[in-house]
C-alpha atoms as a PDB file:
ATOM      1  CA  MET A   1     -24.992 -14.091  -6.170  1.00  0.00           C
ATOM      2  CA  ARG A   2     -26.281 -10.554  -5.165  1.00  0.00           C
ATOM      3  CA  THR A   3     -25.943 -11.497  -1.545  1.00  0.00           C
ATOM      4  CA  LEU A   4     -22.565 -12.725  -1.807  1.00  0.00           C
ATOM      5  CA  LYS A   5     -21.288  -9.393  -3.493  1.00  0.00           C
ATOM      6  CA  THR A   6     -22.992  -7.581  -0.808  1.00  0.00           C
ATOM      7  CA  PHE A   7     -21.472  -9.918   1.928  1.00  0.00           C
ATOM      8  CA  LEU A   8     -17.933  -9.182   0.237  1.00  0.00           C
ATOM      9  CA  ALA A   9     -18.944  -4.985   0.424  1.00  0.00           C
ATOM     10  CA  VAL A  10     -19.773  -5.482   4.005  1.00  0.00           C
ATOM     11  CA  VAL A  11     -16.161  -7.141   4.654  1.00  0.00           C
ATOM     12  CA  ARG A  12     -14.491  -4.377   2.666  1.00  0.00           C
ATOM     13  CA  HIS A  13     -16.204  -1.587   4.317  1.00  0.00           C
ATOM     14  CA  GLY A  14     -16.393  -3.153   7.736  1.00  0.00           C
ATOM     15  CA  SER A  15     -20.304  -1.976   8.109  1.00  0.00           C
ATOM     16  CA  PHE A  16     -23.603  -2.470   7.069  1.00  0.00           C
ATOM     17  CA  ALA A  17     -24.237   1.408   6.236  1.00  0.00           C
ATOM     18  CA  ALA A  18     -21.172   1.814   4.446  1.00  0.00           C
ATOM     19  CA  ALA A  19     -21.892  -1.799   2.431  1.00  0.00           C
ATOM     20  CA  ALA A  20     -25.133  -0.246   1.647  1.00  0.00           C
ATOM     21  CA  ALA A  21     -24.137   2.784  -0.201  1.00  0.00           C
ATOM     22  CA  GLU A  22     -21.998   0.818  -2.381  1.00  0.00           C
ATOM     23  CA  VAL A  23     -24.497  -1.790  -3.478  1.00  0.00           C
ATOM     24  CA  GLY A  24     -27.540   0.746  -3.367  1.00  0.00           C
ATOM     25  CA  LEU A  25     -29.465  -0.785  -0.693  1.00  0.00           C
ATOM     26  CA  THR A  26     -30.613   0.520   2.654  1.00  0.00           C
ATOM     27  CA  PRO A  27     -28.365  -0.601   5.823  1.00  0.00           C
ATOM     28  CA  ALA A  28     -31.804  -2.415   7.052  1.00  0.00           C
ATOM     29  CA  ALA A  29     -31.763  -4.306   3.861  1.00  0.00           C
ATOM     30  CA  VAL A  30     -28.194  -5.291   3.941  1.00  0.00           C
ATOM     31  CA  GLY A  31     -28.715  -6.761   7.441  1.00  0.00           C
ATOM     32  CA  LEU A  32     -31.714  -8.926   6.343  1.00  0.00           C
ATOM     33  CA  GLN A  33     -29.450 -10.167   3.246  1.00  0.00           C
ATOM     34  CA  MET A  34     -27.014 -11.020   5.894  1.00  0.00           C
ATOM     35  CA  GLN A  35     -29.177 -12.377   7.907  1.00  0.00           C
ATOM     36  CA  ALA A  36     -30.444 -15.229   5.190  1.00  0.00           C
ATOM     37  CA  LEU A  37     -26.822 -15.900   4.302  1.00  0.00           C
ATOM     38  CA  GLU A  38     -26.407 -17.020   7.639  1.00  0.00           C
ATOM     39  CA  GLN A  39     -29.374 -18.966   7.819  1.00  0.00           C
ATOM     40  CA  SER A  40     -28.598 -20.426   4.196  1.00  0.00           C
ATOM     41  CA  LEU A  41     -24.956 -21.343   5.634  1.00  0.00           C
ATOM     42  CA  GLY A  42     -26.526 -22.527   9.243  1.00  0.00           C
ATOM     43  CA  GLN A  43     -23.546 -20.760  10.751  1.00  0.00           C
ATOM     44  CA  ALA A  44     -23.308 -16.814  12.067  1.00  0.00           C
ATOM     45  CA  LEU A  45     -20.820 -14.744  10.093  1.00  0.00           C
ATOM     46  CA  PHE A  46     -20.765 -11.826  12.156  1.00  0.00           C
ATOM     47  CA  ASP A  47     -20.451 -10.955  15.997  1.00  0.00           C
ATOM     48  CA  ARG A  48     -22.947  -8.312  16.593  1.00  0.00           C
ATOM     49  CA  GLY A  49     -22.931  -5.605  19.479  1.00  0.00           C
ATOM     50  CA  ARG A  50     -24.725  -2.640  20.170  1.00  0.00           C
ATOM     51  CA  ARG A  51     -22.863  -0.361  17.915  1.00  0.00           C
ATOM     52  CA  ALA A  52     -21.065  -2.547  15.714  1.00  0.00           C
ATOM     53  CA  VAL A  53     -20.987  -5.713  13.407  1.00  0.00           C
ATOM     54  CA  VAL A  54     -17.703  -7.150  13.355  1.00  0.00           C
ATOM     55  CA  LEU A  55     -16.791 -10.731  11.128  1.00  0.00           C
ATOM     56  CA  ASN A  56     -16.316 -13.610  13.256  1.00  0.00           C
ATOM     57  CA  PRO A  57     -13.657 -16.215  12.561  1.00  0.00           C
ATOM     58  CA  THR A  58     -16.062 -17.986  10.517  1.00  0.00           C
ATOM     59  CA  GLY A  59     -16.967 -15.107   8.278  1.00  0.00           C
ATOM     60  CA  ARG A  60     -13.173 -14.447   7.681  1.00  0.00           C
ATOM     61  CA  ARG A  61     -12.471 -18.075   6.842  1.00  0.00           C
ATOM     62  CA  ILE A  62     -14.821 -17.738   4.022  1.00  0.00           C
ATOM     63  CA  VAL A  63     -13.860 -14.441   2.375  1.00  0.00           C
ATOM     64  CA  GLY A  64     -11.614 -16.424   0.038  1.00  0.00           C
ATOM     65  CA  GLU A  65     -14.099 -18.696  -1.182  1.00  0.00           C
ATOM     66  CA  VAL A  66     -16.940 -16.379  -1.858  1.00  0.00           C
ATOM     67  CA  GLU A  67     -14.445 -13.700  -3.579  1.00  0.00           C
ATOM     68  CA  GLN A  68     -13.984 -17.352  -5.863  1.00  0.00           C
ATOM     69  CA  LEU A  69     -17.355 -17.922  -6.456  1.00  0.00           C
ATOM     70  CA  VAL A  70     -18.243 -14.136  -7.557  1.00  0.00           C
ATOM     71  CA  ARG A  71     -15.243 -14.228  -9.829  1.00  0.00           C
ATOM     72  CA  ARG A  72     -16.400 -17.494 -11.661  1.00  0.00           C
ATOM     73  CA  TRP A  73     -19.867 -16.186 -11.730  1.00  0.00           C
ATOM     74  CA  GLU A  74     -18.587 -12.714 -13.053  1.00  0.00           C
ATOM     75  CA  ALA A  75     -16.677 -14.838 -15.951  1.00  0.00           C
ATOM     76  CA  LEU A  76     -19.630 -17.013 -16.868  1.00  0.00           C
ATOM     77  CA  ALA A  77     -21.959 -14.049 -17.217  1.00  0.00           C
ATOM     78  CA  ALA A  78     -19.025 -12.055 -19.551  1.00  0.00           C
ATOM     79  CA  GLY A  79     -19.072 -15.677 -21.556  1.00  0.00           C
ATOM     80  CA  THR A  80     -15.550 -16.379 -20.586  1.00  0.00           C
ATOM     81  CA  ASP A  81     -13.888 -19.130 -18.479  1.00  0.00           C
ATOM     82  CA  GLY A  82     -12.357 -16.382 -16.206  1.00  0.00           C
ATOM     83  CA  ASP A  83      -8.641 -17.666 -17.326  1.00  0.00           C
ATOM     84  CA  GLU A  84      -8.063 -16.171 -20.886  1.00  0.00           C
ATOM     85  CA  ALA A  85     -10.451 -13.253 -20.524  1.00  0.00           C
ATOM     86  CA  GLY A  86      -9.245  -9.633 -19.603  1.00  0.00           C
ATOM     87  CA  LEU A  87      -9.272  -8.679 -16.020  1.00  0.00           C
ATOM     88  CA  SER A  88     -12.368  -7.169 -15.191  1.00  0.00           C
ATOM     89  CA  GLY A  89     -14.570  -5.979 -12.083  1.00  0.00           C
ATOM     90  CA  VAL A  90     -13.284  -4.318  -9.077  1.00  0.00           C
ATOM     91  CA  VAL A  91     -10.271  -4.914  -7.235  1.00  0.00           C
ATOM     92  CA  VAL A  92     -10.022  -2.845  -3.815  1.00  0.00           C
ATOM     93  CA  MET A  93      -6.078  -1.937  -3.182  1.00  0.00           C
ATOM     94  CA  GLY A  94      -4.300  -0.197  -0.321  1.00  0.00           C
ATOM     95  CA  ALA A  95      -1.360   1.930  -1.150  1.00  0.00           C
ATOM     96  CA  LEU A  96       1.403   4.345   0.102  1.00  0.00           C
ATOM     97  CA  VAL A  97       0.935   7.525  -1.363  1.00  0.00           C
ATOM     98  CA  SER A  98       4.089   7.729  -2.004  1.00  0.00           C
ATOM     99  CA  ALA A  99       4.006   4.560  -3.993  1.00  0.00           C
ATOM    100  CA  LEU A 100       1.259   6.438  -5.973  1.00  0.00           C
ATOM    101  CA  MET A 101       3.819   9.120  -6.696  1.00  0.00           C
ATOM    102  CA  GLY A 102       6.450   6.191  -7.622  1.00  0.00           C
ATOM    103  CA  ALA A 103       6.972   3.447 -10.026  1.00  0.00           C
ATOM    104  CA  PHE A 104       3.850   1.773  -9.076  1.00  0.00           C
ATOM    105  CA  ALA A 105       1.479   4.425 -10.469  1.00  0.00           C
ATOM    106  CA  ASP A 106       2.940   3.388 -13.944  1.00  0.00           C
ATOM    107  CA  ALA A 107       1.975  -0.183 -13.365  1.00  0.00           C
ATOM    108  CA  LEU A 108      -1.182   0.540 -12.527  1.00  0.00           C
ATOM    109  CA  TRP A 109      -2.073   2.562 -15.875  1.00  0.00           C
ATOM    110  CA  ALA A 110      -0.468  -0.174 -17.583  1.00  0.00           C
ATOM    111  CA  VAL A 111      -2.593  -2.746 -16.331  1.00  0.00           C
ATOM    112  CA  LYS A 112      -5.652  -0.641 -16.500  1.00  0.00           C
ATOM    113  CA  GLY A 113      -5.017   0.620 -20.235  1.00  0.00           C
ATOM    114  CA  ALA A 114      -4.827  -2.932 -21.229  1.00  0.00           C
ATOM    115  CA  ASN A 115      -7.944  -4.170 -19.187  1.00  0.00           C
ATOM    116  CA  PRO A 116     -10.958  -1.451 -19.737  1.00  0.00           C
ATOM    117  CA  ARG A 117     -13.065  -3.352 -17.410  1.00  0.00           C
ATOM    118  CA  LEU A 118     -11.268  -3.240 -14.674  1.00  0.00           C
ATOM    119  CA  ASP A 119     -12.268  -0.896 -11.817  1.00  0.00           C
ATOM    120  CA  VAL A 120      -9.145  -0.418  -9.368  1.00  0.00           C
ATOM    121  CA  LYS A 121     -10.388   1.229  -5.828  1.00  0.00           C
ATOM    122  CA  LEU A 122      -7.247   2.659  -4.000  1.00  0.00           C
ATOM    123  CA  PHE A 123      -7.148   3.535  -0.277  1.00  0.00           C
ATOM    124  CA  ALA A 124      -4.411   5.798   0.788  1.00  0.00           C
ATOM    125  CA  GLY A 125      -2.569   4.868   4.214  1.00  0.00           C
ATOM    126  CA  LEU A 126       0.282   3.398   6.138  1.00  0.00           C
ATOM    127  CA  SER A 127       2.106  -0.092   5.431  1.00  0.00           C
ATOM    128  CA  SER A 128       1.312  -1.011   8.980  1.00  0.00           C
ATOM    129  CA  ASP A 129      -2.295  -0.169   8.942  1.00  0.00           C
ATOM    130  CA  PHE A 130      -3.083  -2.081   5.659  1.00  0.00           C
ATOM    131  CA  ALA A 131      -1.471  -5.617   7.055  1.00  0.00           C
ATOM    132  CA  PRO A 132      -4.657  -6.428   8.945  1.00  0.00           C
ATOM    133  CA  ARG A 133      -6.779  -5.240   6.318  1.00  0.00           C
ATOM    134  CA  VAL A 134      -5.333  -7.674   3.772  1.00  0.00           C
ATOM    135  CA  ALA A 135      -5.402 -10.284   6.401  1.00  0.00           C
ATOM    136  CA  ARG A 136      -9.250  -9.799   6.809  1.00  0.00           C
ATOM    137  CA  GLY A 137     -10.017  -9.656   3.200  1.00  0.00           C
ATOM    138  CA  GLU A 138     -11.239  -5.907   3.426  1.00  0.00           C
ATOM    139  CA  LEU A 139      -8.158  -5.099   0.609  1.00  0.00           C
ATOM    140  CA  ASP A 140      -7.631  -7.629  -1.964  1.00  0.00           C
ATOM    141  CA  ALA A 141      -3.766  -6.473  -1.820  1.00  0.00           C
ATOM    142  CA  ALA A 142      -1.743  -3.592  -0.670  1.00  0.00           C
ATOM    143  CA  ILE A 143       1.338  -1.676  -1.979  1.00  0.00           C
ATOM    144  CA  VAL A 144       3.534  -1.342   1.173  1.00  0.00           C
ATOM    145  CA  THR A 145       7.132  -1.620   2.198  1.00  0.00           C
ATOM    146  CA  GLN A 146       8.809  -4.424   3.293  1.00  0.00           C
ATOM    147  CA  PRO A 147       7.614  -5.719   6.610  1.00  0.00           C
ATOM    148  CA  PRO A 148       9.929  -5.604   9.319  1.00  0.00           C
ATOM    149  CA  TYR A 149       8.707  -8.953  10.995  1.00  0.00           C
ATOM    150  CA  ALA A 150       7.997 -12.598  10.042  1.00  0.00           C
ATOM    151  CA  LEU A 151       4.316 -12.363   8.167  1.00  0.00           C
ATOM    152  CA  PRO A 152       1.794 -14.933   9.285  1.00  0.00           C
ATOM    153  CA  SER A 153       1.280 -17.887   6.827  1.00  0.00           C
ATOM    154  CA  ASN A 154      -1.798 -16.838   4.925  1.00  0.00           C
ATOM    155  CA  LEU A 155       0.057 -13.517   3.844  1.00  0.00           C
ATOM    156  CA  VAL A 156       2.559 -13.058   1.102  1.00  0.00           C
ATOM    157  CA  TRP A 157       4.972 -10.087   0.383  1.00  0.00           C
ATOM    158  CA  SER A 158       6.295  -9.791  -3.260  1.00  0.00           C
ATOM    159  CA  PRO A 159       9.134  -7.337  -3.898  1.00  0.00           C
ATOM    160  CA  MET A 160       8.616  -5.022  -6.556  1.00  0.00           C
ATOM    161  CA  TYR A 161      11.201  -2.042  -6.667  1.00  0.00           C
ATOM    162  CA  ALA A 162      13.454  -0.410  -4.135  1.00  0.00           C
ATOM    163  CA  GLU A 163      14.231   3.396  -3.485  1.00  0.00           C
ATOM    164  CA  PRO A 164      17.383   4.376  -1.655  1.00  0.00           C
ATOM    165  CA  MET A 165      17.150   6.211   1.295  1.00  0.00           C
ATOM    166  CA  VAL A 166      18.697  10.073   0.862  1.00  0.00           C
ATOM    167  CA  LEU A 167      19.051  13.134   2.729  1.00  0.00           C
ATOM    168  CA  ILE A 168      16.996  16.238   1.513  1.00  0.00           C
ATOM    169  CA  VAL A 169      18.154  19.545   2.349  1.00  0.00           C
ATOM    170  CA  PRO A 170      16.440  22.996   1.434  1.00  0.00           C
ATOM    171  CA  ARG A 171      18.183  25.182  -1.232  1.00  0.00           C
ATOM    172  CA  VAL A 172      17.069  28.345   1.249  1.00  0.00           C
ATOM    173  CA  PRO A 173      17.655  27.125   4.757  1.00  0.00           C
ATOM    174  CA  ARG A 174      16.376  28.784   7.952  1.00  0.00           C
ATOM    175  CA  PHE A 175      19.470  27.234   9.868  1.00  0.00           C
ATOM    176  CA  ASP A 176      23.042  27.075   9.144  1.00  0.00           C
ATOM    177  CA  ALA A 177      23.564  25.074   6.062  1.00  0.00           C
ATOM    178  CA  SER A 178      27.353  24.778   6.000  1.00  0.00           C
ATOM    179  CA  GLY A 179      29.165  21.202   5.711  1.00  0.00           C
ATOM    180  CA  GLY A 180      28.782  18.048   4.276  1.00  0.00           C
ATOM    181  CA  ALA A 181      25.936  15.782   4.316  1.00  0.00           C
ATOM    182  CA  LEU A 182      26.859  14.367   7.628  1.00  0.00           C
ATOM    183  CA  ALA A 183      27.133  17.658   9.324  1.00  0.00           C
ATOM    184  CA  LEU A 184      23.838  18.990   7.935  1.00  0.00           C
ATOM    185  CA  LEU A 185      22.434  15.915   9.626  1.00  0.00           C
ATOM    186  CA  SER A 186      23.829  15.864  12.885  1.00  0.00           C
ATOM    187  CA  ALA A 187      23.284  20.137  13.197  1.00  0.00           C
ATOM    188  CA  ALA A 188      20.354  20.985  11.288  1.00  0.00           C
ATOM    189  CA  PRO A 189      16.755  20.387  12.842  1.00  0.00           C
ATOM    190  CA  PHE A 190      15.499  17.239  11.767  1.00  0.00           C
ATOM    191  CA  ILE A 191      12.128  16.127  10.378  1.00  0.00           C
ATOM    192  CA  ARG A 192      11.543  12.667  11.292  1.00  0.00           C
ATOM    193  CA  PHE A 193       9.261  10.033   9.521  1.00  0.00           C
ATOM    194  CA  ASP A 194       7.092   8.293  12.393  1.00  0.00           C
ATOM    195  CA  ARG A 195       9.299   5.859  13.911  1.00  0.00           C
ATOM    196  CA  ALA A 196       6.335   3.542  14.700  1.00  0.00           C
ATOM    197  CA  THR A 197       6.042   2.997  11.006  1.00  0.00           C
ATOM    198  CA  TRP A 198       7.785   0.447   8.362  1.00  0.00           C
ATOM    199  CA  THR A 199       9.572   3.190   6.926  1.00  0.00           C
ATOM    200  CA  GLY A 200      10.220   4.946  10.095  1.00  0.00           C
ATOM    201  CA  ARG A 201      12.406   2.072  11.270  1.00  0.00           C
ATOM    202  CA  LEU A 202      14.646   2.535   7.873  1.00  0.00           C
ATOM    203  CA  VAL A 203      15.423   5.912   9.215  1.00  0.00           C
ATOM    204  CA  ASP A 204      16.321   4.596  12.431  1.00  0.00           C
ATOM    205  CA  GLU A 205      18.617   2.244  10.545  1.00  0.00           C
ATOM    206  CA  VAL A 206      20.054   5.124   8.028  1.00  0.00           C
ATOM    207  CA  LEU A 207      20.804   7.205  11.320  1.00  0.00           C
ATOM    208  CA  SER A 208      22.678   4.179  13.280  1.00  0.00           C
ATOM    209  CA  ALA A 209      24.539   3.666   9.966  1.00  0.00           C
ATOM    210  CA  CYS A 210      25.613   7.348   9.905  1.00  0.00           C
ATOM    211  CA  ARG A 211      26.446   7.102  13.808  1.00  0.00           C
ATOM    212  CA  VAL A 212      25.300  10.855  14.253  1.00  0.00           C
ATOM    213  CA  ARG A 213      22.552  12.181  17.193  1.00  0.00           C
ATOM    214  CA  VAL A 214      20.396  14.446  15.273  1.00  0.00           C
ATOM    215  CA  HIS A 215      18.035  17.635  16.713  1.00  0.00           C
ATOM    216  CA  GLU A 216      14.794  16.436  16.462  1.00  0.00           C
ATOM    217  CA  GLY A 217      12.504  19.066  14.975  1.00  0.00           C
ATOM    218  CA  MET A 218       9.127  17.612  14.086  1.00  0.00           C
ATOM    219  CA  GLU A 219       7.801  13.839  13.606  1.00  0.00           C
ATOM    220  CA  LEU A 220       5.382  12.948  10.831  1.00  0.00           C
ATOM    221  CA  ASN A 221       4.046  10.293   8.890  1.00  0.00           C
ATOM    222  CA  SER A 222       3.866  11.484   5.287  1.00  0.00           C
ATOM    223  CA  VAL A 223       6.978  11.860   2.885  1.00  0.00           C
ATOM    224  CA  GLU A 224       4.752  14.443   1.065  1.00  0.00           C
ATOM    225  CA  ALA A 225       4.458  16.712   4.037  1.00  0.00           C
ATOM    226  CA  MET A 226       7.830  16.201   5.048  1.00  0.00           C
ATOM    227  CA  VAL A 227       9.273  17.060   1.804  1.00  0.00           C
ATOM    228  CA  GLU A 228       7.244  20.253   1.845  1.00  0.00           C
ATOM    229  CA  ILE A 229       8.404  21.322   5.271  1.00  0.00           C
ATOM    230  CA  VAL A 230      12.304  20.919   4.347  1.00  0.00           C
ATOM    231  CA  ARG A 231      11.292  23.046   0.837  1.00  0.00           C
ATOM    232  CA  GLN A 232      10.133  25.982   3.196  1.00  0.00           C
ATOM    233  CA  GLY A 233      13.727  25.818   4.986  1.00  0.00           C
ATOM    234  CA  PHE A 234      12.729  24.369   8.318  1.00  0.00           C
ATOM    235  CA  GLY A 235      15.193  21.447   8.574  1.00  0.00           C
ATOM    236  CA  VAL A 236      16.512  18.351   6.750  1.00  0.00           C
ATOM    237  CA  SER A 237      15.078  15.046   6.610  1.00  0.00           C
ATOM    238  CA  VAL A 238      15.972  11.409   5.572  1.00  0.00           C
ATOM    239  CA  VAL A 239      13.499  10.024   2.845  1.00  0.00           C
ATOM    240  CA  PRO A 240      13.178   7.382   0.385  1.00  0.00           C
ATOM    241  CA  ARG A 241      13.989   8.716  -3.408  1.00  0.00           C
ATOM    242  CA  LEU A 242      10.609   8.437  -4.748  1.00  0.00           C
ATOM    243  CA  ALA A 243      11.036   6.778  -8.293  1.00  0.00           C
ATOM    244  CA  ASN A 244       8.760   9.263 -10.616  1.00  0.00           C
ATOM    245  CA  VAL A 245       9.810  12.290  -8.751  1.00  0.00           C
ATOM    246  CA  ASP A 246      12.456  14.408 -10.201  1.00  0.00           C
ATOM    247  CA  TRP A 247      13.929  16.033  -7.258  1.00  0.00           C
ATOM    248  CA  GLY A 248      17.236  16.741  -8.971  1.00  0.00           C
ATOM    249  CA  ARG A 249      15.305  19.980 -10.970  1.00  0.00           C
ATOM    250  CA  ASP A 250      13.599  20.678  -7.788  1.00  0.00           C
ATOM    251  CA  ARG A 251      14.655  24.675  -7.281  1.00  0.00           C
ATOM    252  CA  ALA A 252      13.852  24.426  -3.541  1.00  0.00           C
ATOM    253  CA  LEU A 253      15.704  21.108  -2.660  1.00  0.00           C
ATOM    254  CA  ARG A 254      18.828  19.423  -2.503  1.00  0.00           C
ATOM    255  CA  VAL A 255      19.143  15.639  -2.449  1.00  0.00           C
ATOM    256  CA  LEU A 256      22.527  14.133  -0.860  1.00  0.00           C
ATOM    257  CA  ARG A 257      23.597  10.837  -0.697  1.00  0.00           C
ATOM    258  CA  LEU A 258      24.989   9.835   2.639  1.00  0.00           C
ATOM    259  CA  PRO A 259      28.593   8.537   2.608  1.00  0.00           C
ATOM    260  CA  GLY A 260      28.779   4.770   3.590  1.00  0.00           C
ATOM    261  CA  VAL A 261      25.018   4.382   3.700  1.00  0.00           C
ATOM    262  CA  ASP A 262      23.262   1.735   1.482  1.00  0.00           C
ATOM    263  CA  VAL A 263      19.787   1.554   3.103  1.00  0.00           C
ATOM    264  CA  GLN A 264      16.866   1.099   0.541  1.00  0.00           C
ATOM    265  CA  ARG A 265      12.930   1.204   0.907  1.00  0.00           C
ATOM    266  CA  HIS A 266      11.880  -2.031  -0.540  1.00  0.00           C
ATOM    267  CA  VAL A 267       8.098  -1.835  -2.045  1.00  0.00           C
ATOM    268  CA  GLY A 268       6.494  -4.721  -2.804  1.00  0.00           C
ATOM    269  CA  MET A 269       2.795  -6.385  -2.935  1.00  0.00           C
ATOM    270  CA  LEU A 270       1.459  -7.726   0.267  1.00  0.00           C
ATOM    271  CA  GLU A 271      -1.738 -10.113  -0.378  1.00  0.00           C
ATOM    272  CA  ARG A 272      -3.126 -13.401   1.038  1.00  0.00           C
ATOM    273  CA  ALA A 273      -1.645 -16.727  -0.300  1.00  0.00           C
ATOM    274  CA  SER A 274      -4.981 -17.429  -1.872  1.00  0.00           C
ATOM    275  CA  HIS A 275      -7.447 -14.817  -3.154  1.00  0.00           C
ATOM    276  CA  ALA A 276      -9.870 -14.199  -6.103  1.00  0.00           C
ATOM    277  CA  ARG A 277      -7.620 -11.302  -7.635  1.00  0.00           C
ATOM    278  CA  GLU A 278      -4.560 -13.226  -8.191  1.00  0.00           C
ATOM    279  CA  ARG A 279      -4.780 -12.205 -11.953  1.00  0.00           C
ATOM    280  CA  PHE A 280      -4.472  -8.542 -11.274  1.00  0.00           C
ATOM    281  CA  THR A 281      -1.478  -8.773  -8.307  1.00  0.00           C
ATOM    282  CA  GLY A 282       0.024 -11.262 -11.169  1.00  0.00           C
ATOM    283  CA  ALA A 283      -0.053  -8.932 -13.610  1.00  0.00           C
ATOM    284  CA  ILE A 284       1.300  -5.824 -11.687  1.00  0.00           C
ATOM    285  CA  LYS A 285       4.254  -8.255 -10.167  1.00  0.00           C
ATOM    286  CA  ARG A 286       4.971  -9.439 -14.123  1.00  0.00           C
ATOM    287  CA  TYR A 287       5.220  -5.657 -14.743  1.00  0.00           C
ATOM    288  CA  PHE A 288       8.004  -4.974 -12.659  1.00  0.00           C
ATOM    289  CA  ALA A 289       9.775  -8.439 -13.222  1.00  0.00           C
ATOM    290  CA  GLU A 290       9.499  -7.664 -16.912  1.00  0.00           C
ATOM    291  CA  ARG A 291      11.379  -4.258 -16.221  1.00  0.00           C
ATOM    292  CA  ALA A 292      13.802  -5.888 -13.930  1.00  0.00           C
ATOM    293  CA  VAL A 293      15.530  -8.025 -16.598  1.00  0.00           C
ATOM    294  CA  PRO A 294      16.612  -5.006 -18.860  1.00  0.00           C
ATOM    295  CA  ARG A 295      17.879  -3.017 -15.721  1.00  0.00           C
ATOM    296  CA  ALA A 296      20.128  -6.405 -14.851  1.00  0.00           C
ATOM    297  CA  ARG A 297      21.384  -6.499 -17.998  1.00  0.00           C
ATOM    298  CA  ARG A 298      22.363  -2.928 -18.218  1.00  0.00           C
ATOM    299  CA  ALA A 299      24.155  -3.160 -14.602  1.00  0.00           C
ATOM    300  CA  ALA A 300      25.678  -6.330 -15.730  1.00  0.00           C
ATOM    301  CA  ARG A 301      27.620  -4.647 -18.851  1.00  0.00           C
END
């Protein structure tokens, strides 16, 4: 079982050295454990090169089964059946930094508060970077924007909440800030979200709906950095209105709705169709489902 846990650490980190740091062994000892595992299974799990060790198709195929075995063992060791017990063990998640500033943070703290034996390791990054890592089993799941393309059959994306795309403008600009939202968008320096990212594609959708040509100033891949640059007065930007950030009270920032534009960034859970941490991802999804019902009732009134 220790060898299987080491195997999963290698999957998560992508190297024997990083896995060794997690499990408290030397890289050489991890290598020996993986060789022993391959001998026991009668098949190679890694493609070994001079400088790197990469999980091969066979290794990727057994990740989910190994996760299930380890989860069942942990449940037996805890004296439970693994179905009724509280969540425990380590969950490895990817998340947008902006999601950690939004509603996902509330969901995570609620689930962790109800399950004190649960340990969640978070890695910040971009949606497009997380998708292949989830598919390979390096991450149990990831909080990402809605994929702009069809996912492979082994991946599932579940919506959790939505954030409207809005225009942010500095209260003390270093440029002429006269006129309404569309005038500002077309005349002011534009701080653009990286157009290669999934959120960047939503920005293009907003600009297309507005039918304006912007004056490109900078292109960044961080909502937080863009907001700060706008606060300093250097330009305007189109960003998702983060759920847990009260921009209405920001003395350096104005938030404007763009007329006739109803583009939203949908944030959800990306996971494999079958994996060992489905009880955890299910708890996160239930958190949002339970809160969506009262919102729908209020909207119906």
